Amino acid sequence: MRPFLYIVSFLAVMFLAFWAYRENYTTQNMLKEVSSLNRQIADLRTRLAMQNAEWAFLNRPDRLQDLVNANFDRLQLLPMTAAQFGGPEQVTYPPEPLFGLTIDPNAAQDELIP
């Protein structure tokens, strides 16, 4: 009986050592992958910051005005004025409730309160 216990114990220890070995390398690979992803995220953030800076540079009002002036014959772009916007009287509001009824949010969905 004792030799059987030794063999089972030895096999359990070998199995646990193999499992720990595999977990160690799996963890190292995952850490390398996380490090790679963090580098990619940093690179993408840098590229995004660069694109935001380029966007701000290209959308300078003086540059846009020069482009409008240079392409006026083709585009016919004019400066915006206050007259191009509508007034408050032109805003469409939702219709008034029918027959002066209101809906109670605490009541059943189909139930109306006069």
N, C-alpha and C. Protein backbone atom coordinates (compact mmCIF):
# COMPACT_ATOMS: atom_id res chain seq x y z
N MET A 1 0.82 -1.20 0.00
CA MET A 1 0.00 0.00 0.00
C MET A 1 0.86 1.26 0.00
N ARG A 2 1.96 1.20 0.74
CA ARG A 2 2.83 2.35 0.83
C ARG A 2 3.45 2.71 -0.53
N PRO A 3 3.93 1.77 -1.31
CA PRO A 3 4.50 2.12 -2.61
C PRO A 3 3.45 2.76 -3.54
N PHE A 4 2.22 2.32 -3.46
CA PHE A 4 1.15 2.91 -4.27
C PHE A 4 0.95 4.38 -3.90
N LEU A 5 0.96 4.67 -2.59
CA LEU A 5 0.82 6.05 -2.13
C LEU A 5 1.98 6.90 -2.61
N TYR A 6 3.21 6.36 -2.59
CA TYR A 6 4.37 7.10 -3.07
C TYR A 6 4.23 7.41 -4.56
N ILE A 7 3.78 6.44 -5.32
CA ILE A 7 3.63 6.64 -6.76
C ILE A 7 2.57 7.69 -7.05
N VAL A 8 1.43 7.61 -6.36
CA VAL A 8 0.35 8.59 -6.56
C VAL A 8 0.83 9.98 -6.14
N SER A 9 1.53 10.07 -5.03
CA SER A 9 2.06 11.37 -4.57
C SER A 9 3.05 11.92 -5.57
N PHE A 10 3.95 11.05 -6.07
CA PHE A 10 4.93 11.48 -7.05
C PHE A 10 4.24 11.97 -8.32
N LEU A 11 3.22 11.26 -8.81
CA LEU A 11 2.49 11.67 -9.99
C LEU A 11 1.75 12.99 -9.76
N ALA A 12 1.18 13.18 -8.56
CA ALA A 12 0.49 14.43 -8.24
C ALA A 12 1.47 15.60 -8.25
N VAL A 13 2.65 15.39 -7.68
CA VAL A 13 3.67 16.44 -7.65
C VAL A 13 4.12 16.76 -9.07
N MET A 14 4.32 15.73 -9.89
CA MET A 14 4.73 15.95 -11.29
C MET A 14 3.64 16.71 -12.06
N PHE A 15 2.39 16.32 -11.85
CA PHE A 15 1.29 17.01 -12.51
C PHE A 15 1.23 18.47 -12.10
N LEU A 16 1.35 18.74 -10.80
CA LEU A 16 1.31 20.12 -10.32
C LEU A 16 2.50 20.93 -10.83
N ALA A 17 3.68 20.30 -10.94
CA ALA A 17 4.86 21.00 -11.47
C ALA A 17 4.63 21.34 -12.95
N PHE A 18 4.10 20.39 -13.71
CA PHE A 18 3.81 20.65 -15.12
C PHE A 18 2.77 21.76 -15.25
N TRP A 19 1.74 21.73 -14.42
CA TRP A 19 0.70 22.76 -14.46
C TRP A 19 1.28 24.14 -14.13
N ALA A 20 2.12 24.21 -13.08
CA ALA A 20 2.74 25.48 -12.69
C ALA A 20 3.66 25.99 -13.80
N TYR A 21 4.38 25.09 -14.45
CA TYR A 21 5.27 25.46 -15.56
C TYR A 21 4.46 26.07 -16.70
N ARG A 22 3.36 25.42 -17.07
CA ARG A 22 2.51 25.93 -18.15
C ARG A 22 1.90 27.28 -17.78
N GLU A 23 1.40 27.41 -16.56
CA GLU A 23 0.80 28.66 -16.11
C GLU A 23 1.81 29.80 -16.11
N ASN A 24 3.05 29.49 -15.73
CA ASN A 24 4.09 30.50 -15.71
C ASN A 24 4.32 31.05 -17.12
N TYR A 25 4.47 30.18 -18.10
CA TYR A 25 4.70 30.64 -19.47
C TYR A 25 3.47 31.29 -20.07
N THR A 26 2.29 30.81 -19.72
CA THR A 26 1.06 31.46 -20.20
C THR A 26 0.98 32.88 -19.64
N THR A 27 1.31 33.05 -18.37
CA THR A 27 1.28 34.37 -17.75
C THR A 27 2.31 35.29 -18.39
N GLN A 28 3.51 34.78 -18.66
CA GLN A 28 4.53 35.60 -19.30
C GLN A 28 4.09 36.03 -20.70
N ASN A 29 3.47 35.12 -21.45
CA ASN A 29 2.98 35.48 -22.78
C ASN A 29 1.88 36.54 -22.69
N MET A 30 0.99 36.41 -21.73
CA MET A 30 -0.07 37.41 -21.57
C MET A 30 0.50 38.76 -21.18
N LEU A 31 1.53 38.77 -20.32
CA LEU A 31 2.16 40.04 -19.94
C LEU A 31 2.83 40.70 -21.14
N LYS A 32 3.46 39.88 -22.01
CA LYS A 32 4.06 40.43 -23.23
C LYS A 32 2.98 41.00 -24.14
N GLU A 33 1.85 40.31 -24.23
CA GLU A 33 0.76 40.79 -25.07
C GLU A 33 0.18 42.10 -24.53
N VAL A 34 0.02 42.18 -23.21
CA VAL A 34 -0.49 43.41 -22.60
C VAL A 34 0.49 44.56 -22.84
N SER A 35 1.77 44.27 -22.72
CA SER A 35 2.78 45.31 -22.96
C SER A 35 2.72 45.78 -24.42
N SER A 36 2.56 44.84 -25.34
CA SER A 36 2.44 45.20 -26.75
C SER A 36 1.20 46.04 -27.00
N LEU A 37 0.08 45.67 -26.40
CA LEU A 37 -1.15 46.44 -26.56
C LEU A 37 -1.01 47.83 -25.97
N ASN A 38 -0.34 47.95 -24.83
CA ASN A 38 -0.13 49.28 -24.24
C ASN A 38 0.73 50.15 -25.14
N ARG A 39 1.75 49.55 -25.79
CA ARG A 39 2.56 50.32 -26.74
C ARG A 39 1.71 50.76 -27.94
N GLN A 40 0.85 49.87 -28.43
CA GLN A 40 -0.01 50.23 -29.54
C GLN A 40 -0.97 51.36 -29.17
N ILE A 41 -1.52 51.29 -27.96
CA ILE A 41 -2.43 52.34 -27.49
C ILE A 41 -1.69 53.67 -27.40
N ALA A 42 -0.46 53.64 -26.88
CA ALA A 42 0.32 54.88 -26.78
C ALA A 42 0.61 55.44 -28.16
N ASP A 43 0.96 54.56 -29.11
CA ASP A 43 1.21 55.03 -30.48
C ASP A 43 -0.05 55.63 -31.10
N LEU A 44 -1.19 54.98 -30.89
CA LEU A 44 -2.44 55.50 -31.44
C LEU A 44 -2.83 56.84 -30.81
N ARG A 45 -2.57 56.98 -29.53
CA ARG A 45 -2.86 58.26 -28.87
C ARG A 45 -1.96 59.37 -29.43
N THR A 46 -0.70 59.02 -29.69
CA THR A 46 0.22 59.99 -30.27
C THR A 46 -0.25 60.40 -31.66
N ARG A 47 -0.66 59.40 -32.47
CA ARG A 47 -1.15 59.69 -33.81
C ARG A 47 -2.43 60.53 -33.76
N LEU A 48 -3.31 60.24 -32.78
CA LEU A 48 -4.54 61.02 -32.64
C LEU A 48 -4.22 62.46 -32.27
N ALA A 49 -3.27 62.65 -31.36
CA ALA A 49 -2.87 64.01 -30.99
C ALA A 49 -2.29 64.74 -32.19
N MET A 50 -1.52 64.02 -33.00
CA MET A 50 -0.95 64.63 -34.21
C MET A 50 -2.07 65.02 -35.18
N GLN A 51 -3.04 64.15 -35.36
CA GLN A 51 -4.14 64.47 -36.27
C GLN A 51 -4.98 65.63 -35.75
N ASN A 52 -5.20 65.69 -34.43
CA ASN A 52 -5.93 66.83 -33.87
C ASN A 52 -5.17 68.13 -34.10
N ALA A 53 -3.84 68.09 -33.97
CA ALA A 53 -3.03 69.29 -34.22
C ALA A 53 -3.11 69.68 -35.69
N GLU A 54 -3.04 68.68 -36.59
CA GLU A 54 -3.16 68.98 -38.02
C GLU A 54 -4.53 69.56 -38.35
N TRP A 55 -5.57 68.99 -37.73
CA TRP A 55 -6.93 69.49 -37.97
C TRP A 55 -7.04 70.95 -37.53
N ALA A 56 -6.51 71.25 -36.35
CA ALA A 56 -6.55 72.63 -35.85
C ALA A 56 -5.75 73.55 -36.77
N PHE A 57 -4.62 73.06 -37.27
CA PHE A 57 -3.79 73.87 -38.16
C PHE A 57 -4.51 74.14 -39.47
N LEU A 58 -5.16 73.11 -40.04
CA LEU A 58 -5.84 73.28 -41.32
C LEU A 58 -7.13 74.08 -41.21
N ASN A 59 -7.72 74.16 -40.02
CA ASN A 59 -8.98 74.88 -39.85
C ASN A 59 -8.79 76.28 -39.27
N ARG A 60 -7.61 76.84 -39.43
CA ARG A 60 -7.40 78.21 -38.99
C ARG A 60 -8.30 79.14 -39.80
N PRO A 61 -8.98 80.09 -39.15
CA PRO A 61 -9.89 80.98 -39.87
C PRO A 61 -9.22 81.76 -41.01
N ASP A 62 -8.00 82.23 -40.80
CA ASP A 62 -7.34 82.99 -41.87
C ASP A 62 -7.04 82.10 -43.08
N ARG A 63 -6.65 80.84 -42.84
CA ARG A 63 -6.39 79.92 -43.95
C ARG A 63 -7.69 79.61 -44.70
N LEU A 64 -8.76 79.35 -43.94
CA LEU A 64 -10.04 79.05 -44.58
C LEU A 64 -10.55 80.25 -45.38
N GLN A 65 -10.34 81.46 -44.85
CA GLN A 65 -10.76 82.66 -45.58
C GLN A 65 -9.97 82.80 -46.88
N ASP A 66 -8.67 82.49 -46.84
CA ASP A 66 -7.87 82.54 -48.07
C ASP A 66 -8.37 81.51 -49.08
N LEU A 67 -8.76 80.32 -48.61
CA LEU A 67 -9.28 79.30 -49.51
C LEU A 67 -10.62 79.72 -50.12
N VAL A 68 -11.47 80.33 -49.30
CA VAL A 68 -12.76 80.82 -49.81
C VAL A 68 -12.53 81.89 -50.87
N ASN A 69 -11.63 82.80 -50.59
CA ASN A 69 -11.35 83.86 -51.57
C ASN A 69 -10.76 83.29 -52.85
N ALA A 70 -9.89 82.29 -52.73
CA ALA A 70 -9.25 81.72 -53.91
C ALA A 70 -10.24 80.93 -54.75
N ASN A 71 -11.26 80.34 -54.13
CA ASN A 71 -12.22 79.50 -54.85
C ASN A 71 -13.61 80.12 -54.93
N PHE A 72 -13.68 81.43 -54.81
CA PHE A 72 -15.00 82.08 -54.80
C PHE A 72 -15.74 81.87 -56.11
N ASP A 73 -15.05 81.94 -57.23
CA ASP A 73 -15.71 81.79 -58.54
C ASP A 73 -16.38 80.42 -58.65
N ARG A 74 -15.74 79.39 -58.13
CA ARG A 74 -16.27 78.04 -58.26
C ARG A 74 -17.31 77.72 -57.19
N LEU A 75 -17.07 78.12 -55.94
CA LEU A 75 -17.92 77.71 -54.82
C LEU A 75 -18.99 78.72 -54.45
N GLN A 76 -18.78 79.98 -54.71
CA GLN A 76 -19.73 81.04 -54.36
C GLN A 76 -20.03 81.08 -52.86
N LEU A 77 -19.02 80.86 -52.02
CA LEU A 77 -19.22 80.88 -50.57
C LEU A 77 -19.20 82.31 -50.06
N LEU A 78 -20.16 82.64 -49.21
CA LEU A 78 -20.26 83.97 -48.62
C LEU A 78 -20.19 83.86 -47.11
N PRO A 79 -19.76 84.93 -46.44
CA PRO A 79 -19.73 84.88 -44.96
C PRO A 79 -21.15 84.72 -44.40
N MET A 80 -21.25 84.06 -43.27
CA MET A 80 -22.55 83.88 -42.62
C MET A 80 -22.96 85.17 -41.94
N THR A 81 -24.25 85.46 -41.99
CA THR A 81 -24.79 86.64 -41.33
C THR A 81 -25.93 86.22 -40.42
N ALA A 82 -26.34 87.11 -39.54
CA ALA A 82 -27.43 86.81 -38.62
C ALA A 82 -28.75 86.63 -39.35
N ALA A 83 -28.89 87.23 -40.51
CA ALA A 83 -30.15 87.12 -41.26
C ALA A 83 -30.36 85.71 -41.82
N GLN A 84 -29.31 84.91 -41.88
CA GLN A 84 -29.44 83.56 -42.40
C GLN A 84 -30.05 82.60 -41.38
N PHE A 85 -30.14 83.01 -40.15
CA PHE A 85 -30.69 82.16 -39.10
C PHE A 85 -32.15 82.51 -38.87
N GLY A 86 -32.94 81.52 -38.46
CA GLY A 86 -34.35 81.75 -38.17
C GLY A 86 -34.54 82.37 -36.80
N GLY A 87 -35.71 82.91 -36.60
CA GLY A 87 -36.04 83.51 -35.31
C GLY A 87 -36.80 82.53 -34.42
N PRO A 88 -37.05 82.92 -33.18
CA PRO A 88 -37.77 82.02 -32.27
C PRO A 88 -39.19 81.73 -32.73
N GLU A 89 -39.79 82.62 -33.49
CA GLU A 89 -41.17 82.39 -33.95
C GLU A 89 -41.22 81.29 -35.01
N GLN A 90 -40.09 80.90 -35.58
CA GLN A 90 -40.06 79.86 -36.60
C GLN A 90 -39.83 78.47 -36.03
N VAL A 91 -39.60 78.38 -34.73
CA VAL A 91 -39.38 77.08 -34.10
C VAL A 91 -40.71 76.36 -33.97
N THR A 92 -40.75 75.09 -34.37
CA THR A 92 -41.98 74.30 -34.23
C THR A 92 -41.96 73.59 -32.89
N TYR A 93 -43.01 73.81 -32.13
CA TYR A 93 -43.14 73.19 -30.81
C TYR A 93 -44.09 72.01 -30.91
N PRO A 94 -44.05 71.06 -29.96
CA PRO A 94 -44.99 69.94 -30.00
C PRO A 94 -46.42 70.44 -29.81
N PRO A 95 -47.39 69.72 -30.37
CA PRO A 95 -48.78 70.18 -30.26
C PRO A 95 -49.28 70.11 -28.81
N GLU A 96 -50.29 70.93 -28.53
CA GLU A 96 -50.90 70.94 -27.19
C GLU A 96 -51.63 69.60 -26.97
N PRO A 97 -51.73 69.17 -25.71
CA PRO A 97 -52.46 67.92 -25.44
C PRO A 97 -53.93 68.05 -25.85
N LEU A 98 -54.52 66.94 -26.27
CA LEU A 98 -55.92 66.93 -26.68
C LEU A 98 -56.84 67.15 -25.48
N PHE A 99 -57.81 68.00 -25.60
CA PHE A 99 -58.86 68.24 -24.60
C PHE A 99 -58.30 68.62 -23.24
N GLY A 100 -57.10 69.14 -23.17
CA GLY A 100 -56.53 69.58 -21.91
C GLY A 100 -56.17 68.43 -20.97
N LEU A 101 -56.06 67.22 -21.47
CA LEU A 101 -55.72 66.07 -20.64
C LEU A 101 -54.21 65.97 -20.49
N THR A 102 -53.79 65.51 -19.33
CA THR A 102 -52.36 65.28 -19.10
C THR A 102 -52.17 63.83 -18.70
N ILE A 103 -51.01 63.33 -18.91
CA ILE A 103 -50.70 61.94 -18.58
C ILE A 103 -49.94 61.92 -17.27
N ASP A 104 -50.43 61.12 -16.34
CA ASP A 104 -49.76 60.95 -15.05
C ASP A 104 -48.68 59.88 -15.22
N PRO A 105 -47.42 60.20 -14.97
CA PRO A 105 -46.37 59.20 -15.16
C PRO A 105 -46.46 58.05 -14.15
N ASN A 106 -47.15 58.27 -13.02
CA ASN A 106 -47.28 57.22 -12.01
C ASN A 106 -48.46 56.29 -12.31
N ALA A 107 -49.37 56.70 -13.19
CA ALA A 107 -50.53 55.90 -13.50
C ALA A 107 -50.19 54.87 -14.57
N ALA A 108 -51.13 54.00 -14.87
CA ALA A 108 -50.95 53.01 -15.93
C ALA A 108 -50.72 53.76 -17.24
N GLN A 109 -50.08 53.09 -18.20
CA GLN A 109 -49.68 53.74 -19.43
C GLN A 109 -50.86 54.29 -20.23
N ASP A 110 -51.98 53.59 -20.28
CA ASP A 110 -53.12 54.02 -21.09
C ASP A 110 -54.11 54.89 -20.32
N GLU A 111 -53.87 55.11 -19.07
CA GLU A 111 -54.83 55.83 -18.22
C GLU A 111 -54.56 57.33 -18.29
N LEU A 112 -55.56 58.14 -18.64
CA LEU A 112 -55.44 59.59 -18.72
C LEU A 112 -56.15 60.24 -17.54
N ILE A 113 -55.61 61.34 -17.05
CA ILE A 113 -56.23 62.06 -15.94
C ILE A 113 -56.74 63.39 -16.48
N PRO A 114 -58.03 63.73 -16.24
CA PRO A 114 -58.57 65.00 -16.74
C PRO A 114 -58.04 66.19 -15.96
